[in-house]
Amino acid sequence: MKVLIATIKPFAKVAIEDIKAELDKAGYKMALLEKYTDKTQLLDAVKDADALIIRSDKIDNEVFDAAKNLKIVVRAGAGYDNVDLAAATTHGVCVMNTPGQNSNAVAELVFGLLVYTVRNFYNGKSGTELMGKNLGLLAFGNVGRNVARIAKGFGMNVYAYDAFCPKETIEKAGVIAVKSTEDLFKKCDIVSLHIPATAETKNSINYELVNKMPQNGILLNTARKEVINESELIKLMEDRDDIKYIADIMPDANDTFIKKFPDRYFSTPKKMGAQTAEANINAGVAAAKQIVGFFKDSCEKFRVNK
């Protein structure tokens, strides 16, 4: 059984060692393709692979066509919009993610960005504190729950809305459940986005919604850039000089945001949410374990395609 790890952005060395140890125990062979610069390298490497572990690498129909033996792809991380799920299903390939493995890393980054923001990007001017502020979580999955946990340590009031999470589950975590996305934006000084990029959510964070925020509102996005209607958010920030936008996913209109709102906008140069040694190891090892479980026990617990 050959397992290919194909990553333009490589795993840490210790993560590769731990992944290999998991695969060695199962008697599987590991192959490594790192920092590849051309898609043809991936197409060649995947030809005889039975399983594939990736990070943010794009896996499309052409890759599935080339991978004649491929049975499973595991995205080491929560998001999986870089994999063509329909093409995978057509080719009889199971696609999984590794939910929860990066969640604490992303949650900690949320507060790194928030402290940086409320202290005016450390420009020497007086800022504000997070204690007593209303924090809204749009989606209450693994990341949202970790954000809520940390927010309580800051003394924040935490609200959440998740169309797929029962009110009772949210309230059991000591978080106030609201009835709609609109309610969340109305009530909260800070809204942190944790929604996936789907047909329903793309461009859903728009002028009308963000404009419901109180004065000096902060919109924080560590999810996906596609959920933001960038042109409408720019228009809103032109109309309201109190709104700030902070992102861990550089917008397509990054240059415009920087030029127009230098004191109210910040984006990390590259997506940093899962970039910790711990998350790197956790997600990689989880991917390896899921591949072993898939072949040995037919386990498809984290399958994301039909």
Protein backbone atom coordinates (compact mmCIF):
# COMPACT_ATOMS: atom_id res chain seq x y z
CA MET A 1 0.00 0.00 0.00
CA LYS A 2 1.56 3.31 -1.07
CA VAL A 3 0.63 6.54 0.71
CA LEU A 4 1.76 9.76 -1.00
CA ILE A 5 2.18 12.94 1.01
CA ALA A 6 1.94 15.76 -1.52
CA THR A 7 2.39 19.22 -0.02
CA ILE A 8 3.49 22.47 -1.60
CA LYS A 9 3.66 23.77 1.99
CA PRO A 10 5.44 20.89 3.74
CA PHE A 11 4.64 19.38 7.11
CA ALA A 12 7.22 19.96 9.82
CA LYS A 13 10.01 17.37 9.93
CA VAL A 14 8.73 15.95 13.22
CA ALA A 15 5.24 15.60 11.74
CA ILE A 16 6.61 13.62 8.78
CA GLU A 17 8.46 11.35 11.20
CA ASP A 18 5.27 10.71 13.20
CA ILE A 19 3.21 10.12 10.06
CA LYS A 20 5.80 7.64 8.79
CA ALA A 21 5.75 5.82 12.13
CA GLU A 22 1.96 5.38 11.88
CA LEU A 23 2.21 4.08 8.30
CA ASP A 24 5.17 1.83 9.09
CA LYS A 25 3.16 0.15 11.88
CA ALA A 26 0.47 -0.67 9.32
CA GLY A 27 3.03 -1.97 6.83
CA TYR A 28 2.38 0.83 4.33
CA LYS A 29 4.98 2.56 2.18
CA MET A 30 5.24 6.35 2.43
CA ALA A 31 6.27 8.57 -0.50
CA LEU A 32 6.97 12.28 -0.18
CA LEU A 33 6.45 15.13 -2.66
CA GLU A 34 7.24 18.50 -1.06
CA LYS A 35 7.48 22.05 -2.40
CA TYR A 36 6.60 20.94 -5.90
CA THR A 37 6.52 23.78 -8.42
CA ASP A 38 4.54 22.27 -11.28
CA LYS A 39 1.35 20.26 -11.43
CA THR A 40 3.02 17.67 -13.67
CA GLN A 41 5.17 16.66 -10.70
CA LEU A 42 2.02 15.87 -8.74
CA LEU A 43 0.45 14.01 -11.66
CA ASP A 44 3.54 11.84 -11.99
CA ALA A 45 3.88 11.16 -8.26
CA VAL A 46 0.25 10.15 -7.77
CA LYS A 47 0.17 7.56 -10.58
CA ASP A 48 0.74 4.55 -8.35
CA ALA A 49 -0.52 5.95 -5.01
CA ASP A 50 -3.27 4.12 -3.14
CA ALA A 51 -3.78 6.99 -0.69
CA LEU A 52 -2.98 10.70 -0.67
CA ILE A 53 -2.38 13.13 2.20
CA ILE A 54 -2.52 16.82 1.31
CA ARG A 55 -2.78 20.23 2.94
CA SER A 56 -3.96 23.16 0.80
CA ASP A 57 -2.99 21.45 -2.45
CA LYS A 58 -5.57 21.48 -5.24
CA ILE A 59 -6.83 18.04 -6.20
CA ASP A 60 -9.01 18.15 -9.31
CA ASN A 61 -10.33 15.87 -12.02
CA GLU A 62 -6.97 15.79 -13.80
CA VAL A 63 -5.28 14.48 -10.66
CA PHE A 64 -7.95 11.80 -10.19
CA ASP A 65 -7.56 10.76 -13.84
CA ALA A 66 -3.82 10.29 -13.31
CA ALA A 67 -4.21 8.38 -10.03
CA LYS A 68 -5.51 5.02 -11.24
CA ASN A 69 -4.99 3.22 -7.91
CA LEU A 70 -6.19 6.01 -5.64
CA LYS A 71 -8.86 5.07 -3.09
CA ILE A 72 -8.67 7.85 -0.49
CA VAL A 73 -7.56 11.48 -0.14
CA VAL A 74 -7.21 13.00 3.32
CA ARG A 75 -6.98 16.75 3.69
CA ALA A 76 -4.92 17.40 6.83
CA GLY A 77 -7.10 20.18 8.19
CA ALA A 78 -10.74 21.12 8.48
CA GLY A 79 -11.42 22.86 5.15
CA TYR A 80 -11.60 20.79 1.98
CA ASP A 81 -12.74 23.19 -0.75
CA ASN A 82 -9.40 22.60 -2.50
CA VAL A 83 -10.60 19.09 -3.44
CA ASP A 84 -13.09 18.50 -6.26
CA LEU A 85 -15.55 16.30 -4.38
CA ALA A 86 -17.72 15.53 -7.39
CA ALA A 87 -14.69 14.34 -9.36
CA ALA A 88 -13.60 12.23 -6.40
CA THR A 89 -16.99 10.55 -6.21
CA THR A 90 -17.00 9.92 -9.96
CA HIS A 91 -13.62 8.21 -9.63
CA GLY A 92 -14.71 6.16 -6.62
CA VAL A 93 -12.35 7.98 -4.24
CA CYS A 94 -13.21 8.69 -0.60
CA VAL A 95 -12.29 12.20 0.61
CA MET A 96 -11.82 12.96 4.29
CA ASN A 97 -10.74 15.91 6.40
CA THR A 98 -9.30 15.94 9.93
CA PRO A 99 -11.72 18.13 11.90
CA GLY A 100 -10.64 19.53 15.23
CA GLN A 101 -6.90 18.97 14.83
CA ASN A 102 -6.18 22.64 14.02
CA SER A 103 -8.96 24.17 16.10
CA ASN A 104 -6.96 25.37 19.10
CA ALA A 105 -4.28 26.87 16.86
CA VAL A 106 -6.89 28.88 14.94
CA ALA A 107 -8.64 29.93 18.16
CA GLU A 108 -5.42 31.23 19.67
CA LEU A 109 -4.69 33.18 16.48
CA VAL A 110 -8.14 34.82 16.79
CA PHE A 111 -7.05 36.41 20.05
CA GLY A 112 -3.60 37.29 18.79
CA LEU A 113 -5.29 39.25 16.01
CA LEU A 114 -7.91 40.76 18.34
CA VAL A 115 -5.41 42.08 20.89
CA TYR A 116 -3.34 43.53 18.03
CA THR A 117 -6.47 45.21 16.66
CA VAL A 118 -7.95 46.71 19.82
CA ARG A 119 -4.51 48.10 20.71
CA ASN A 120 -4.48 49.97 17.37
CA PHE A 121 -1.90 47.69 15.75
CA TYR A 122 0.59 48.71 18.45
CA ASN A 123 0.98 52.20 17.01
CA GLY A 124 1.52 53.81 20.41
CA LYS A 125 -1.96 55.29 20.70
CA SER A 126 -4.42 54.39 23.44
CA GLY A 127 -6.60 51.40 22.58
CA THR A 128 -9.39 49.43 24.23
CA GLU A 129 -9.74 46.15 26.13
CA LEU A 130 -11.55 42.94 25.30
CA MET A 131 -13.03 42.48 28.77
CA GLY A 132 -16.77 43.17 28.78
CA LYS A 133 -17.06 43.24 25.00
CA ASN A 134 -19.67 41.15 23.17
CA LEU A 135 -18.04 38.52 20.95
CA GLY A 136 -20.16 36.83 18.30
CA LEU A 137 -19.25 33.48 16.78
CA LEU A 138 -20.74 32.70 13.39
CA ALA A 139 -20.69 28.88 13.52
CA PHE A 140 -20.05 26.85 16.62
CA GLY A 141 -17.90 23.98 15.47
CA ASN A 142 -14.51 22.92 16.83
CA VAL A 143 -12.87 26.30 16.29
CA GLY A 144 -15.82 28.30 17.56
CA ARG A 145 -15.94 26.27 20.77
CA ASN A 146 -12.26 26.85 21.41
CA VAL A 147 -12.67 30.57 20.75
CA ALA A 148 -15.52 30.63 23.28
CA ARG A 149 -13.36 28.86 25.85
CA ILE A 150 -10.55 31.40 25.50
CA ALA A 151 -12.94 34.39 25.37
CA LYS A 152 -14.25 33.55 28.84
CA GLY A 153 -10.71 33.99 30.17
CA PHE A 154 -10.73 37.51 28.75
CA GLY A 155 -14.03 38.23 30.51
CA MET A 156 -15.98 38.61 27.27
CA ASN A 157 -19.69 38.00 26.73
CA VAL A 158 -19.92 35.25 24.11
CA TYR A 159 -22.79 34.82 21.64
CA ALA A 160 -23.11 32.29 18.83
CA TYR A 161 -25.28 31.38 15.87
CA ASP A 162 -25.04 28.11 14.01
CA ALA A 163 -27.89 26.89 11.82
CA PHE A 164 -26.73 23.28 12.30
CA CYS A 165 -25.93 23.31 16.02
CA PRO A 166 -28.76 22.99 18.55
CA LYS A 167 -29.36 25.88 20.92
CA GLU A 168 -28.96 23.49 23.85
CA THR A 169 -25.44 22.53 22.74
CA ILE A 170 -24.39 26.17 22.49
CA GLU A 171 -25.88 27.06 25.87
CA LYS A 172 -24.33 24.01 27.53
CA ALA A 173 -20.95 25.53 26.66
CA GLY A 174 -21.90 28.70 28.56
CA VAL A 175 -22.52 30.67 25.37
CA ILE A 176 -25.61 32.73 24.54
CA ALA A 177 -27.43 31.31 21.49
CA VAL A 178 -29.07 33.87 19.19
CA LYS A 179 -31.80 33.19 16.63
CA SER A 180 -30.15 34.44 13.45
CA THR A 181 -27.01 35.76 11.80
CA GLU A 182 -28.62 39.21 11.80
CA ASP A 183 -29.15 39.07 15.56
CA LEU A 184 -25.51 38.12 16.05
CA PHE A 185 -24.25 41.14 14.12
CA LYS A 186 -26.67 43.49 15.91
CA LYS A 187 -25.61 42.40 19.39
CA CYS A 188 -21.86 41.99 19.04
CA ASP A 189 -18.94 44.40 19.09
CA ILE A 190 -16.79 41.74 17.47
CA VAL A 191 -17.93 39.02 15.07
CA SER A 192 -15.58 36.11 14.37
CA LEU A 193 -16.34 34.05 11.26
CA HIS A 194 -15.98 30.27 11.32
CA ILE A 195 -18.22 29.25 8.43
CA PRO A 196 -17.15 27.16 5.42
CA ALA A 197 -17.27 28.43 1.85
CA THR A 198 -20.44 26.90 0.40
CA ALA A 199 -23.01 27.98 -2.18
CA GLU A 200 -25.05 29.44 0.68
CA THR A 201 -22.23 31.26 2.47
CA LYS A 202 -20.15 32.68 -0.39
CA ASN A 203 -20.48 36.51 -0.44
CA SER A 204 -22.95 36.26 2.46
CA ILE A 205 -20.99 38.69 4.66
CA ASN A 206 -22.16 41.82 2.89
CA TYR A 207 -22.93 45.52 3.36
CA GLU A 208 -26.37 45.04 4.90
CA LEU A 209 -25.23 42.43 7.40
CA VAL A 210 -22.03 44.08 8.65
CA ASN A 211 -23.78 47.45 8.81
CA LYS A 212 -25.90 46.05 11.65
CA MET A 213 -22.87 46.04 13.93
CA PRO A 214 -22.61 48.58 16.77
CA GLN A 215 -20.17 51.51 16.63
CA ASN A 216 -16.51 50.49 16.45
CA GLY A 217 -17.38 46.99 15.30
CA ILE A 218 -14.64 44.53 14.37
CA LEU A 219 -15.17 41.82 11.74
CA LEU A 220 -12.63 39.00 12.04
CA ASN A 221 -12.25 36.30 9.38
CA THR A 222 -10.15 33.20 9.98
CA ALA A 223 -12.45 31.06 7.81
CA ARG A 224 -12.51 31.53 4.01
CA LYS A 225 -12.10 34.68 1.93
CA GLU A 226 -14.97 33.65 -0.36
CA VAL A 227 -17.57 34.28 2.37
CA ILE A 228 -16.82 38.01 2.22
CA ASN A 229 -18.48 40.23 -0.37
CA GLU A 230 -15.36 42.33 -0.75
CA SER A 231 -16.80 45.15 -2.87
CA GLU A 232 -19.70 45.63 -0.45
CA LEU A 233 -17.43 45.52 2.60
CA ILE A 234 -15.20 48.18 1.04
CA LYS A 235 -18.27 50.34 0.39
CA LEU A 236 -19.41 49.91 3.98
CA MET A 237 -16.01 50.83 5.39
CA GLU A 238 -16.07 53.94 3.19
CA ASP A 239 -19.49 54.84 4.59
CA ARG A 240 -18.62 53.96 8.19
CA ASP A 241 -15.22 55.03 9.46
CA ASP A 242 -15.62 53.02 12.68
CA ILE A 243 -15.62 49.49 11.22
CA LYS A 244 -12.45 47.39 11.18
CA TYR A 245 -11.78 44.26 9.12
CA ILE A 246 -9.13 41.73 10.18
CA ALA A 247 -8.40 38.62 8.12
CA ASP A 248 -6.24 35.52 8.18
CA ILE A 249 -7.04 35.05 4.50
CA MET A 250 -5.74 37.83 2.30
CA PRO A 251 -8.64 39.28 0.26
CA ASP A 252 -8.45 39.58 -3.51
CA ALA A 253 -8.82 43.34 -2.95
CA ASN A 254 -5.98 43.46 -0.42
CA ASP A 255 -4.28 46.45 -2.07
CA THR A 256 -7.53 48.43 -2.02
CA PHE A 257 -8.14 47.66 1.66
CA ILE A 258 -4.58 48.75 2.54
CA LYS A 259 -4.81 51.96 0.52
CA LYS A 260 -8.24 53.03 1.76
CA PHE A 261 -8.18 51.78 5.36
CA PRO A 262 -4.58 51.62 6.63
CA ASP A 263 -5.67 52.12 10.25
CA ARG A 264 -8.70 49.80 10.09
CA TYR A 265 -7.55 46.76 8.16
CA PHE A 266 -5.02 44.00 8.59
CA SER A 267 -4.41 40.68 6.86
CA THR A 268 -1.75 38.08 7.51
CA PRO A 269 0.52 37.67 4.47
CA LYS A 270 -0.33 33.95 4.34
CA LYS A 271 -2.99 31.91 6.10
CA MET A 272 -1.60 31.35 9.58
CA GLY A 273 -4.45 29.66 11.44
CA ALA A 274 -3.05 26.13 11.43
CA GLN A 275 0.61 27.14 11.34
CA THR A 276 1.77 25.77 14.67
CA ALA A 277 4.01 22.80 15.33
CA GLU A 278 1.28 21.15 17.37
CA ALA A 279 -1.45 21.54 14.74
CA ASN A 280 0.94 20.42 12.03
CA ILE A 281 1.66 17.18 13.87
CA ASN A 282 -1.92 16.58 15.01
CA ALA A 283 -3.44 16.95 11.53
CA GLY A 284 -0.78 14.88 9.79
CA VAL A 285 -0.93 12.00 12.24
CA ALA A 286 -4.74 12.06 12.20
CA ALA A 287 -4.65 11.80 8.39
CA ALA A 288 -2.36 8.78 8.58
CA LYS A 289 -4.56 7.07 11.19
CA GLN A 290 -7.67 7.68 9.10
CA ILE A 291 -6.03 6.09 6.06
CA VAL A 292 -5.08 3.02 8.09
CA GLY A 293 -8.60 2.81 9.50
CA PHE A 294 -10.08 3.15 6.02
CA PHE A 295 -8.11 0.25 4.54
CA LYS A 296 -8.10 -2.04 7.58
CA ASP A 297 -11.57 -1.43 9.04
CA SER A 298 -13.47 0.30 6.18
CA CYS A 299 -13.88 3.30 8.51
CA GLU A 300 -15.27 6.38 6.74
CA LYS A 301 -16.16 8.46 9.81
CA PHE A 302 -14.75 11.71 8.41
CA ARG A 303 -15.82 11.24 4.78
CA VAL A 304 -16.93 14.53 3.18
CA ASN A 305 -18.02 13.37 -0.29
CA LYS A 306 -21.00 11.19 -1.13
